[in-house]
Amino acid sequence: MYRAREKRSTTARSTHRLPPGARIACAVSTYHEDVTGEMLASALEALGEMGVERESVLVVPCPGAFELPLVARRLAQRKDVVAVLCFGLVLKGETEHDRYISEACAHGLTQVALETDTPVLFGVLTCANLEQARERARSESEGGQDKGREVALAALESLAALRAAEEGVKKGSGKRAR
C-alpha cells in the first residue's frame, strides 16, 4: 500500500486545471464529523496543491453514509460538477448493521458513477472502531494514512484517465473490433 500511495503522490504532481465553470463536489457525512471533516480538510488541501481553486469546490453535508449515494447522484447530475468525492464513516457494531450500510453505500456510489458517467470517489471508512478511523483520516505528517488526500488525488487521476480515454477515441478511428 505504501508504494501505491507514494506512486499516486508523485504521478499527480502536475497542476490540474478544471475546465472553465467546472467544479469538484464533496458530499460529507456529518456522522462523526470530526473524522469526515479531517478527510475533507485534507482533500481540499490536496486539491489546492494540485491547482484546483477553492471556489471550484462545492461542499455539501449529508446525515450519514447511507445518504451519500443520493446526495452524490444529485451532485453528479449537475452540469458544472466533473467529480464527486464522498466522505463518510461506518463503524463496526454488535450486529451486522454496519455491513448493510457500507454495502448499500458502495453499491449506490458505484451505480451513481456509472449512470452519470462522472467519477464518484469512495472515501467512506469502514472501521472496527473510532481509533482506527481517526488513524486512517489523520494526515501522513501526523502519522496517519491520509485517506482524504488519497481520495482527492484519485479524483484528479480519474478525470485525467477519462480525458485520455476520450482523446483516444477522438484520435483513433473509433472503437476497436473485439
N, C-alpha and C. Protein backbone atom coordinates (compact mmCIF):
# COMPACT_ATOMS: atom_id res chain seq x y z
N MET A 1 0.82 -1.19 0.00
CA MET A 1 0.00 0.00 0.00
C MET A 1 0.87 1.25 0.00
N TYR A 2 1.99 1.21 0.70
CA TYR A 2 2.85 2.38 0.76
C TYR A 2 3.34 2.77 -0.63
N ARG A 3 3.75 1.78 -1.44
CA ARG A 3 4.23 2.10 -2.79
C ARG A 3 3.13 2.70 -3.64
N ALA A 4 1.91 2.20 -3.51
CA ALA A 4 0.79 2.75 -4.29
C ALA A 4 0.56 4.21 -3.89
N ARG A 5 0.60 4.50 -2.60
CA ARG A 5 0.39 5.86 -2.14
C ARG A 5 1.54 6.75 -2.59
N GLU A 6 2.76 6.23 -2.52
CA GLU A 6 3.92 7.00 -2.96
C GLU A 6 3.82 7.30 -4.45
N LYS A 7 3.45 6.30 -5.23
CA LYS A 7 3.31 6.49 -6.67
C LYS A 7 2.21 7.51 -6.97
N ARG A 8 1.08 7.41 -6.27
CA ARG A 8 -0.02 8.34 -6.50
C ARG A 8 0.42 9.76 -6.24
N SER A 9 1.16 9.98 -5.16
CA SER A 9 1.54 11.35 -4.82
C SER A 9 2.51 11.93 -5.84
N THR A 10 3.30 11.11 -6.50
CA THR A 10 4.23 11.64 -7.49
C THR A 10 3.61 11.75 -8.88
N THR A 11 2.69 10.85 -9.23
CA THR A 11 2.11 10.92 -10.57
C THR A 11 1.10 12.04 -10.70
N ALA A 12 0.55 12.51 -9.60
CA ALA A 12 -0.47 13.56 -9.66
C ALA A 12 0.13 14.93 -9.35
N ARG A 13 1.42 15.08 -9.41
CA ARG A 13 2.07 16.33 -9.02
C ARG A 13 1.79 17.50 -9.95
N SER A 14 1.47 17.24 -11.19
CA SER A 14 1.27 18.35 -12.11
C SER A 14 0.03 19.16 -11.71
N THR A 15 0.04 20.42 -12.06
CA THR A 15 -1.09 21.29 -11.77
C THR A 15 -2.28 20.84 -12.59
N HIS A 16 -3.43 20.79 -11.96
CA HIS A 16 -4.63 20.34 -12.64
C HIS A 16 -5.61 21.51 -12.73
N ARG A 17 -5.90 21.92 -13.92
CA ARG A 17 -6.87 22.99 -14.15
C ARG A 17 -8.18 22.36 -14.60
N LEU A 18 -9.23 22.76 -13.93
CA LEU A 18 -10.56 22.31 -14.35
C LEU A 18 -11.01 23.15 -15.52
N PRO A 19 -11.86 22.62 -16.37
CA PRO A 19 -12.41 23.44 -17.46
C PRO A 19 -13.15 24.65 -16.86
N PRO A 20 -13.24 25.74 -17.59
CA PRO A 20 -13.94 26.92 -17.07
C PRO A 20 -15.35 26.58 -16.61
N GLY A 21 -15.69 27.00 -15.40
CA GLY A 21 -17.02 26.76 -14.86
C GLY A 21 -17.20 25.39 -14.22
N ALA A 22 -16.21 24.51 -14.33
CA ALA A 22 -16.33 23.16 -13.77
C ALA A 22 -16.00 23.17 -12.28
N ARG A 23 -16.64 22.25 -11.57
CA ARG A 23 -16.43 22.14 -10.12
C ARG A 23 -16.25 20.68 -9.71
N ILE A 24 -15.56 20.50 -8.61
CA ILE A 24 -15.49 19.21 -7.94
C ILE A 24 -16.39 19.34 -6.72
N ALA A 25 -17.24 18.36 -6.50
CA ALA A 25 -18.15 18.38 -5.35
C ALA A 25 -17.68 17.39 -4.30
N CYS A 26 -17.96 17.73 -3.05
CA CYS A 26 -17.67 16.85 -1.93
C CYS A 26 -18.95 16.65 -1.12
N ALA A 27 -19.39 15.41 -1.01
CA ALA A 27 -20.52 15.06 -0.15
C ALA A 27 -19.91 14.51 1.13
N VAL A 28 -20.23 15.13 2.26
CA VAL A 28 -19.56 14.80 3.51
C VAL A 28 -20.58 14.43 4.59
N SER A 29 -20.48 13.24 5.09
CA SER A 29 -21.34 12.79 6.17
C SER A 29 -21.04 13.58 7.44
N THR A 30 -22.10 13.98 8.14
CA THR A 30 -21.92 14.69 9.40
C THR A 30 -21.85 13.71 10.58
N TYR A 31 -22.03 12.42 10.31
CA TYR A 31 -21.87 11.40 11.34
C TYR A 31 -20.38 11.27 11.62
N HIS A 32 -19.98 11.49 12.84
CA HIS A 32 -18.56 11.54 13.23
C HIS A 32 -17.83 12.60 12.40
N GLU A 33 -18.40 13.79 12.47
CA GLU A 33 -17.91 14.94 11.70
C GLU A 33 -16.43 15.25 11.96
N ASP A 34 -15.92 14.90 13.14
CA ASP A 34 -14.50 15.14 13.40
C ASP A 34 -13.63 14.33 12.44
N VAL A 35 -14.04 13.10 12.15
CA VAL A 35 -13.27 12.23 11.24
C VAL A 35 -13.50 12.64 9.79
N THR A 36 -14.77 12.78 9.39
CA THR A 36 -15.06 13.12 7.99
C THR A 36 -14.57 14.53 7.67
N GLY A 37 -14.64 15.42 8.65
CA GLY A 37 -14.13 16.78 8.45
C GLY A 37 -12.63 16.81 8.24
N GLU A 38 -11.92 15.92 8.93
CA GLU A 38 -10.47 15.84 8.75
C GLU A 38 -10.13 15.33 7.35
N MET A 39 -10.91 14.37 6.86
CA MET A 39 -10.68 13.88 5.50
C MET A 39 -10.99 14.97 4.48
N LEU A 40 -12.09 15.71 4.70
CA LEU A 40 -12.44 16.80 3.80
C LEU A 40 -11.33 17.86 3.78
N ALA A 41 -10.85 18.27 4.94
CA ALA A 41 -9.80 19.28 5.01
C ALA A 41 -8.55 18.84 4.25
N SER A 42 -8.19 17.59 4.40
CA SER A 42 -7.03 17.05 3.70
C SER A 42 -7.25 17.02 2.19
N ALA A 43 -8.47 16.65 1.78
CA ALA A 43 -8.81 16.62 0.35
C ALA A 43 -8.74 18.02 -0.24
N LEU A 44 -9.29 19.00 0.47
CA LEU A 44 -9.27 20.39 -0.02
C LEU A 44 -7.83 20.89 -0.14
N GLU A 45 -7.00 20.54 0.82
CA GLU A 45 -5.59 20.94 0.77
C GLU A 45 -4.90 20.31 -0.44
N ALA A 46 -5.14 19.02 -0.66
CA ALA A 46 -4.52 18.32 -1.80
C ALA A 46 -4.99 18.91 -3.12
N LEU A 47 -6.28 19.19 -3.24
CA LEU A 47 -6.80 19.79 -4.47
C LEU A 47 -6.16 21.15 -4.71
N GLY A 48 -6.02 21.94 -3.65
CA GLY A 48 -5.36 23.24 -3.77
C GLY A 48 -3.92 23.12 -4.22
N GLU A 49 -3.21 22.14 -3.68
CA GLU A 49 -1.81 21.91 -4.08
C GLU A 49 -1.71 21.54 -5.55
N MET A 50 -2.75 20.92 -6.07
CA MET A 50 -2.76 20.49 -7.47
C MET A 50 -3.31 21.56 -8.41
N GLY A 51 -3.63 22.73 -7.86
CA GLY A 51 -4.06 23.83 -8.70
C GLY A 51 -5.55 24.03 -8.82
N VAL A 52 -6.33 23.26 -8.07
CA VAL A 52 -7.78 23.43 -8.10
C VAL A 52 -8.14 24.54 -7.11
N GLU A 53 -8.75 25.60 -7.62
CA GLU A 53 -9.13 26.74 -6.80
C GLU A 53 -10.22 26.34 -5.81
N ARG A 54 -10.17 26.87 -4.61
CA ARG A 54 -11.17 26.54 -3.58
C ARG A 54 -12.58 26.91 -4.04
N GLU A 55 -12.71 27.97 -4.84
CA GLU A 55 -14.02 28.37 -5.35
C GLU A 55 -14.59 27.34 -6.32
N SER A 56 -13.75 26.44 -6.81
CA SER A 56 -14.20 25.40 -7.74
C SER A 56 -14.61 24.13 -7.02
N VAL A 57 -14.68 24.18 -5.70
CA VAL A 57 -15.07 23.01 -4.92
C VAL A 57 -16.35 23.32 -4.15
N LEU A 58 -17.34 22.49 -4.35
CA LEU A 58 -18.64 22.61 -3.69
C LEU A 58 -18.71 21.55 -2.60
N VAL A 59 -18.97 21.95 -1.36
CA VAL A 59 -19.06 21.02 -0.24
C VAL A 59 -20.51 20.97 0.25
N VAL A 60 -21.04 19.75 0.31
CA VAL A 60 -22.42 19.55 0.75
C VAL A 60 -22.45 18.53 1.89
N PRO A 61 -22.93 18.94 3.06
CA PRO A 61 -23.05 17.98 4.16
C PRO A 61 -24.27 17.09 3.98
N CYS A 62 -24.18 15.86 4.47
CA CYS A 62 -25.34 14.96 4.48
C CYS A 62 -25.30 14.15 5.78
N PRO A 63 -26.44 13.59 6.20
CA PRO A 63 -26.52 12.98 7.52
C PRO A 63 -25.56 11.80 7.78
N GLY A 64 -25.44 10.88 6.84
CA GLY A 64 -24.62 9.70 7.07
C GLY A 64 -24.21 9.02 5.79
N ALA A 65 -23.52 7.90 5.92
CA ALA A 65 -23.03 7.17 4.75
C ALA A 65 -24.16 6.63 3.89
N PHE A 66 -25.26 6.23 4.52
CA PHE A 66 -26.38 5.68 3.76
C PHE A 66 -26.97 6.71 2.81
N GLU A 67 -26.91 7.98 3.17
CA GLU A 67 -27.47 9.06 2.35
C GLU A 67 -26.50 9.55 1.27
N LEU A 68 -25.25 9.15 1.34
CA LEU A 68 -24.25 9.63 0.37
C LEU A 68 -24.61 9.35 -1.08
N PRO A 69 -25.09 8.15 -1.45
CA PRO A 69 -25.40 7.92 -2.87
C PRO A 69 -26.43 8.88 -3.44
N LEU A 70 -27.47 9.19 -2.68
CA LEU A 70 -28.50 10.11 -3.19
C LEU A 70 -27.93 11.51 -3.37
N VAL A 71 -27.20 11.98 -2.39
CA VAL A 71 -26.60 13.32 -2.49
C VAL A 71 -25.57 13.34 -3.62
N ALA A 72 -24.77 12.28 -3.72
CA ALA A 72 -23.76 12.20 -4.80
C ALA A 72 -24.44 12.20 -6.16
N ARG A 73 -25.55 11.51 -6.28
CA ARG A 73 -26.28 11.47 -7.56
C ARG A 73 -26.76 12.87 -7.95
N ARG A 74 -27.33 13.58 -7.00
CA ARG A 74 -27.82 14.93 -7.28
C ARG A 74 -26.65 15.82 -7.71
N LEU A 75 -25.52 15.69 -7.04
CA LEU A 75 -24.35 16.49 -7.40
C LEU A 75 -23.81 16.10 -8.77
N ALA A 76 -23.73 14.80 -9.04
CA ALA A 76 -23.18 14.32 -10.31
C ALA A 76 -24.07 14.71 -11.49
N GLN A 77 -25.35 14.95 -11.24
CA GLN A 77 -26.26 15.34 -12.31
C GLN A 77 -26.11 16.81 -12.69
N ARG A 78 -25.43 17.57 -11.85
CA ARG A 78 -25.23 19.00 -12.16
C ARG A 78 -24.28 19.12 -13.36
N LYS A 79 -24.57 20.05 -14.22
CA LYS A 79 -23.74 20.26 -15.42
C LYS A 79 -22.34 20.75 -15.08
N ASP A 80 -22.18 21.46 -13.96
CA ASP A 80 -20.88 22.03 -13.62
C ASP A 80 -19.99 21.09 -12.80
N VAL A 81 -20.51 19.96 -12.34
CA VAL A 81 -19.74 19.05 -11.50
C VAL A 81 -19.08 17.96 -12.35
N VAL A 82 -17.75 17.86 -12.25
CA VAL A 82 -16.99 16.88 -13.04
C VAL A 82 -16.58 15.67 -12.21
N ALA A 83 -16.64 15.76 -10.88
CA ALA A 83 -16.31 14.64 -10.00
C ALA A 83 -16.95 14.89 -8.64
N VAL A 84 -17.26 13.79 -7.95
CA VAL A 84 -17.85 13.87 -6.62
C VAL A 84 -17.01 13.03 -5.67
N LEU A 85 -16.52 13.67 -4.61
CA LEU A 85 -15.77 12.98 -3.57
C LEU A 85 -16.73 12.75 -2.41
N CYS A 86 -16.83 11.52 -1.94
CA CYS A 86 -17.76 11.19 -0.85
C CYS A 86 -16.97 10.76 0.38
N PHE A 87 -17.28 11.40 1.51
CA PHE A 87 -16.59 11.10 2.76
C PHE A 87 -17.60 10.67 3.82
N GLY A 88 -17.34 9.53 4.42
CA GLY A 88 -18.22 9.02 5.46
C GLY A 88 -17.48 8.04 6.34
N LEU A 89 -18.19 7.55 7.34
CA LEU A 89 -17.62 6.58 8.28
C LEU A 89 -18.71 5.61 8.70
N VAL A 90 -18.38 4.32 8.61
CA VAL A 90 -19.26 3.26 9.10
C VAL A 90 -18.45 2.46 10.11
N LEU A 91 -18.91 2.43 11.35
CA LEU A 91 -18.20 1.71 12.40
C LEU A 91 -18.84 0.35 12.65
N LYS A 92 -18.00 -0.63 12.92
CA LYS A 92 -18.46 -1.97 13.26
C LYS A 92 -19.23 -1.90 14.56
N GLY A 93 -20.33 -2.60 14.60
CA GLY A 93 -21.14 -2.64 15.82
C GLY A 93 -21.33 -4.07 16.29
N GLU A 94 -22.28 -4.25 17.17
CA GLU A 94 -22.55 -5.58 17.71
C GLU A 94 -23.39 -6.42 16.76
N THR A 95 -24.04 -5.78 15.81
CA THR A 95 -24.86 -6.51 14.82
C THR A 95 -24.20 -6.36 13.45
N GLU A 96 -24.87 -6.80 12.41
CA GLU A 96 -24.34 -6.68 11.05
C GLU A 96 -24.83 -5.42 10.35
N HIS A 97 -25.41 -4.50 11.09
CA HIS A 97 -25.92 -3.25 10.53
C HIS A 97 -24.85 -2.51 9.72
N ASP A 98 -23.63 -2.50 10.22
CA ASP A 98 -22.54 -1.80 9.52
C ASP A 98 -22.30 -2.38 8.13
N ARG A 99 -22.40 -3.69 8.01
CA ARG A 99 -22.19 -4.34 6.72
C ARG A 99 -23.26 -3.91 5.72
N TYR A 100 -24.50 -3.85 6.16
CA TYR A 100 -25.59 -3.46 5.27
C TYR A 100 -25.45 -2.01 4.82
N ILE A 101 -25.07 -1.15 5.74
CA ILE A 101 -24.89 0.27 5.41
C ILE A 101 -23.72 0.45 4.45
N SER A 102 -22.59 -0.17 4.75
CA SER A 102 -21.41 0.03 3.89
C SER A 102 -21.61 -0.58 2.51
N GLU A 103 -22.27 -1.74 2.43
CA GLU A 103 -22.53 -2.35 1.12
C GLU A 103 -23.50 -1.50 0.30
N ALA A 104 -24.55 -1.00 0.95
CA ALA A 104 -25.51 -0.15 0.24
C ALA A 104 -24.83 1.12 -0.27
N CYS A 105 -23.98 1.68 0.55
CA CYS A 105 -23.26 2.90 0.16
C CYS A 105 -22.33 2.63 -1.02
N ALA A 106 -21.54 1.58 -0.93
CA ALA A 106 -20.59 1.25 -2.01
C ALA A 106 -21.32 0.96 -3.32
N HIS A 107 -22.36 0.14 -3.26
CA HIS A 107 -23.13 -0.18 -4.47
C HIS A 107 -23.82 1.07 -5.02
N GLY A 108 -24.37 1.87 -4.13
CA GLY A 108 -25.06 3.09 -4.57
C GLY A 108 -24.11 4.07 -5.25
N LEU A 109 -22.94 4.27 -4.67
CA LEU A 109 -21.98 5.20 -5.27
C LEU A 109 -21.46 4.69 -6.61
N THR A 110 -21.26 3.38 -6.71
CA THR A 110 -20.84 2.80 -7.99
C THR A 110 -21.91 3.02 -9.04
N GLN A 111 -23.15 2.80 -8.66
CA GLN A 111 -24.27 2.99 -9.58
C GLN A 111 -24.36 4.44 -10.05
N VAL A 112 -24.17 5.38 -9.14
CA VAL A 112 -24.21 6.80 -9.49
C VAL A 112 -23.13 7.11 -10.52
N ALA A 113 -21.92 6.62 -10.28
CA ALA A 113 -20.81 6.89 -11.21
C ALA A 113 -21.13 6.35 -12.60
N LEU A 114 -21.64 5.14 -12.66
CA LEU A 114 -21.92 4.53 -13.96
C LEU A 114 -23.11 5.18 -14.67
N GLU A 115 -24.13 5.54 -13.92
CA GLU A 115 -25.32 6.17 -14.52
C GLU A 115 -25.05 7.59 -15.01
N THR A 116 -24.18 8.30 -14.32
CA THR A 116 -23.95 9.71 -14.67
C THR A 116 -22.65 9.92 -15.44
N ASP A 117 -21.86 8.86 -15.61
CA ASP A 117 -20.57 8.96 -16.30
C ASP A 117 -19.68 10.02 -15.64
N THR A 118 -19.73 10.04 -14.31
CA THR A 118 -18.99 11.01 -13.52
C THR A 118 -18.19 10.26 -12.46
N PRO A 119 -16.92 10.57 -12.28
CA PRO A 119 -16.17 9.92 -11.20
C PRO A 119 -16.81 10.22 -9.84
N VAL A 120 -17.12 9.18 -9.11
CA VAL A 120 -17.66 9.29 -7.75
C VAL A 120 -16.71 8.50 -6.87
N LEU A 121 -16.00 9.19 -6.01
CA LEU A 121 -14.93 8.58 -5.23
C LEU A 121 -15.43 8.12 -3.87
N PHE A 122 -15.00 6.92 -3.48
CA PHE A 122 -15.44 6.27 -2.24
C PHE A 122 -14.45 6.57 -1.11
N GLY A 123 -14.74 7.64 -0.39
CA GLY A 123 -13.93 8.00 0.78
C GLY A 123 -14.70 7.66 2.04
N VAL A 124 -15.27 6.48 2.07
CA VAL A 124 -16.05 6.04 3.23
C VAL A 124 -15.21 5.02 4.00
N LEU A 125 -14.84 5.38 5.20
CA LEU A 125 -14.07 4.48 6.04
C LEU A 125 -15.00 3.43 6.65
N THR A 126 -14.59 2.20 6.64
CA THR A 126 -15.33 1.11 7.28
C THR A 126 -14.38 0.50 8.30
N CYS A 127 -14.53 0.90 9.53
CA CYS A 127 -13.55 0.57 10.56
C CYS A 127 -14.16 -0.19 11.72
N ALA A 128 -13.30 -0.89 12.45
CA ALA A 128 -13.73 -1.64 13.63
C ALA A 128 -14.04 -0.71 14.80
N ASN A 129 -13.34 0.42 14.87
CA ASN A 129 -13.54 1.33 15.99
C ASN A 129 -13.13 2.75 15.60
N LEU A 130 -13.43 3.69 16.47
CA LEU A 130 -13.16 5.10 16.19
C LEU A 130 -11.66 5.40 16.13
N GLU A 131 -10.88 4.73 16.94
CA GLU A 131 -9.42 4.93 16.92
C GLU A 131 -8.85 4.56 15.54
N GLN A 132 -9.30 3.46 15.00
CA GLN A 132 -8.87 3.02 13.66
C GLN A 132 -9.28 4.05 12.61
N ALA A 133 -10.49 4.59 12.72
CA ALA A 133 -10.98 5.59 11.78
C ALA A 133 -10.14 6.86 11.84
N ARG A 134 -9.83 7.30 13.03
CA ARG A 134 -9.02 8.51 13.18
C ARG A 134 -7.62 8.33 12.59
N GLU A 135 -7.06 7.15 12.73
CA GLU A 135 -5.73 6.87 12.17
C GLU A 135 -5.78 6.94 10.64
N ARG A 136 -6.84 6.45 10.04
CA ARG A 136 -6.97 6.48 8.58
C ARG A 136 -7.24 7.90 8.07
N ALA A 137 -7.94 8.70 8.86
CA ALA A 137 -8.27 10.07 8.44
C ALA A 137 -7.12 11.04 8.68
N ARG A 138 -6.31 10.79 9.69
CA ARG A 138 -5.22 11.70 10.06
C ARG A 138 -4.21 11.85 8.92
N SER A 139 -3.64 13.02 8.80
CA SER A 139 -2.65 13.29 7.74
C SER A 139 -1.39 12.46 7.96
N GLU A 140 -0.68 12.22 6.88
CA GLU A 140 0.57 11.45 6.98
C GLU A 140 1.58 12.16 7.87
N SER A 141 1.60 13.49 7.83
CA SER A 141 2.54 14.24 8.65
C SER A 141 2.26 14.04 10.15
N GLU A 142 1.04 13.63 10.47
CA GLU A 142 0.68 13.35 11.86
C GLU A 142 0.63 11.85 12.14
N GLY A 143 1.21 11.06 11.23
CA GLY A 143 1.29 9.61 11.43
C GLY A 143 0.09 8.82 10.95
N GLY A 144 -0.80 9.45 10.21
CA GLY A 144 -1.99 8.76 9.72
C GLY A 144 -1.85 8.29 8.29
N GLN A 145 -2.94 7.79 7.76
CA GLN A 145 -2.95 7.27 6.38
C GLN A 145 -3.46 8.29 5.37
N ASP A 146 -4.04 9.38 5.82
CA ASP A 146 -4.45 10.50 4.97
C ASP A 146 -5.37 10.08 3.81
N LYS A 147 -6.47 9.42 4.16
CA LYS A 147 -7.41 8.95 3.14
C LYS A 147 -8.08 10.10 2.38
N GLY A 148 -8.25 11.25 3.00
CA GLY A 148 -8.84 12.39 2.31
C GLY A 148 -7.99 12.82 1.13
N ARG A 149 -6.70 12.93 1.35
CA ARG A 149 -5.76 13.28 0.28
C ARG A 149 -5.78 12.22 -0.82
N GLU A 150 -5.78 10.98 -0.40
CA GLU A 150 -5.78 9.86 -1.35
C GLU A 150 -7.00 9.93 -2.27
N VAL A 151 -8.16 10.23 -1.71
CA VAL A 151 -9.39 10.32 -2.49
C VAL A 151 -9.33 11.50 -3.46
N ALA A 152 -8.82 12.63 -3.00
CA ALA A 152 -8.72 13.82 -3.86
C ALA A 152 -7.79 13.56 -5.05
N LEU A 153 -6.65 12.95 -4.79
CA LEU A 153 -5.71 12.67 -5.87
C LEU A 153 -6.28 11.63 -6.84
N ALA A 154 -7.01 10.65 -6.30
CA ALA A 154 -7.65 9.65 -7.16
C ALA A 154 -8.69 10.30 -8.07
N ALA A 155 -9.38 11.31 -7.57
CA ALA A 155 -10.37 12.02 -8.39
C ALA A 155 -9.68 12.70 -9.57
N LEU A 156 -8.58 13.38 -9.30
CA LEU A 156 -7.85 14.06 -10.39
C LEU A 156 -7.30 13.05 -11.39
N GLU A 157 -6.81 11.92 -10.89
CA GLU A 157 -6.30 10.88 -11.78
C GLU A 157 -7.43 10.28 -12.62
N SER A 158 -8.60 10.12 -12.02
CA SER A 158 -9.75 9.59 -12.76
C SER A 158 -10.16 10.54 -13.87
N LEU A 159 -10.17 11.83 -13.57
CA LEU A 159 -10.51 12.82 -14.60
C LEU A 159 -9.49 12.78 -15.73
N ALA A 160 -8.21 12.65 -15.39
CA ALA A 160 -7.17 12.56 -16.42
C ALA A 160 -7.34 11.30 -17.26
N ALA A 161 -7.68 10.19 -16.61
CA ALA A 161 -7.87 8.93 -17.34
C ALA A 161 -9.07 9.03 -18.28
N LEU A 162 -10.14 9.66 -17.84
CA LEU A 162 -11.31 9.84 -18.71
C LEU A 162 -11.00 10.74 -19.89
N ARG A 163 -10.22 11.79 -19.64
CA ARG A 163 -9.79 12.67 -20.76
C ARG A 163 -8.95 11.88 -21.75
N ALA A 164 -8.03 11.08 -21.25
CA ALA A 164 -7.17 10.27 -22.13
C ALA A 164 -8.00 9.26 -22.92
N ALA A 165 -8.98 8.66 -22.28
CA ALA A 165 -9.85 7.71 -22.97
C ALA A 165 -10.65 8.40 -24.06
N GLU A 166 -11.14 9.60 -23.76
CA GLU A 166 -11.91 10.37 -24.74
C GLU A 166 -11.03 10.81 -25.91
N GLU A 167 -9.82 11.25 -25.61
CA GLU A 167 -8.90 11.68 -26.67
C GLU A 167 -8.50 10.51 -27.54
N GLY A 168 -8.35 9.32 -26.93
CA GLY A 168 -8.01 8.12 -27.69
C GLY A 168 -9.09 7.79 -28.69
N VAL A 169 -10.33 7.96 -28.30
CA VAL A 169 -11.45 7.70 -29.20
C VAL A 169 -11.47 8.73 -30.31
N LYS A 170 -11.22 10.00 -29.97
CA LYS A 170 -11.23 11.06 -30.97
C LYS A 170 -10.09 10.89 -31.97
N LYS A 171 -8.90 10.52 -31.48
CA LYS A 171 -7.73 10.37 -32.34
C LYS A 171 -7.80 9.13 -33.21
N GLY A 172 -8.37 8.06 -32.62
CA GLY A 172 -8.44 6.79 -33.35
C GLY A 172 -9.58 6.79 -34.34
N SER A 173 -9.78 5.66 -34.93
CA SER A 173 -10.84 5.55 -35.93
C SER A 173 -12.13 5.01 -35.32
N GLY A 174 -12.30 5.20 -34.05
CA GLY A 174 -13.50 4.69 -33.39
C GLY A 174 -13.15 3.52 -32.50
N LYS A 175 -14.13 2.69 -32.25
CA LYS A 175 -13.92 1.54 -31.37
C LYS A 175 -13.19 0.45 -32.12
N ARG A 176 -12.36 -0.28 -31.35
CA ARG A 176 -11.64 -1.41 -31.94
C ARG A 176 -12.54 -2.64 -32.00
N ALA A 177 -12.30 -3.45 -32.99
CA ALA A 177 -13.03 -4.71 -33.09
C ALA A 177 -12.53 -5.65 -32.01
N ARG A 178 -13.41 -6.48 -31.49
CA ARG A 178 -13.02 -7.40 -30.41
C ARG A 178 -12.76 -8.77 -30.95
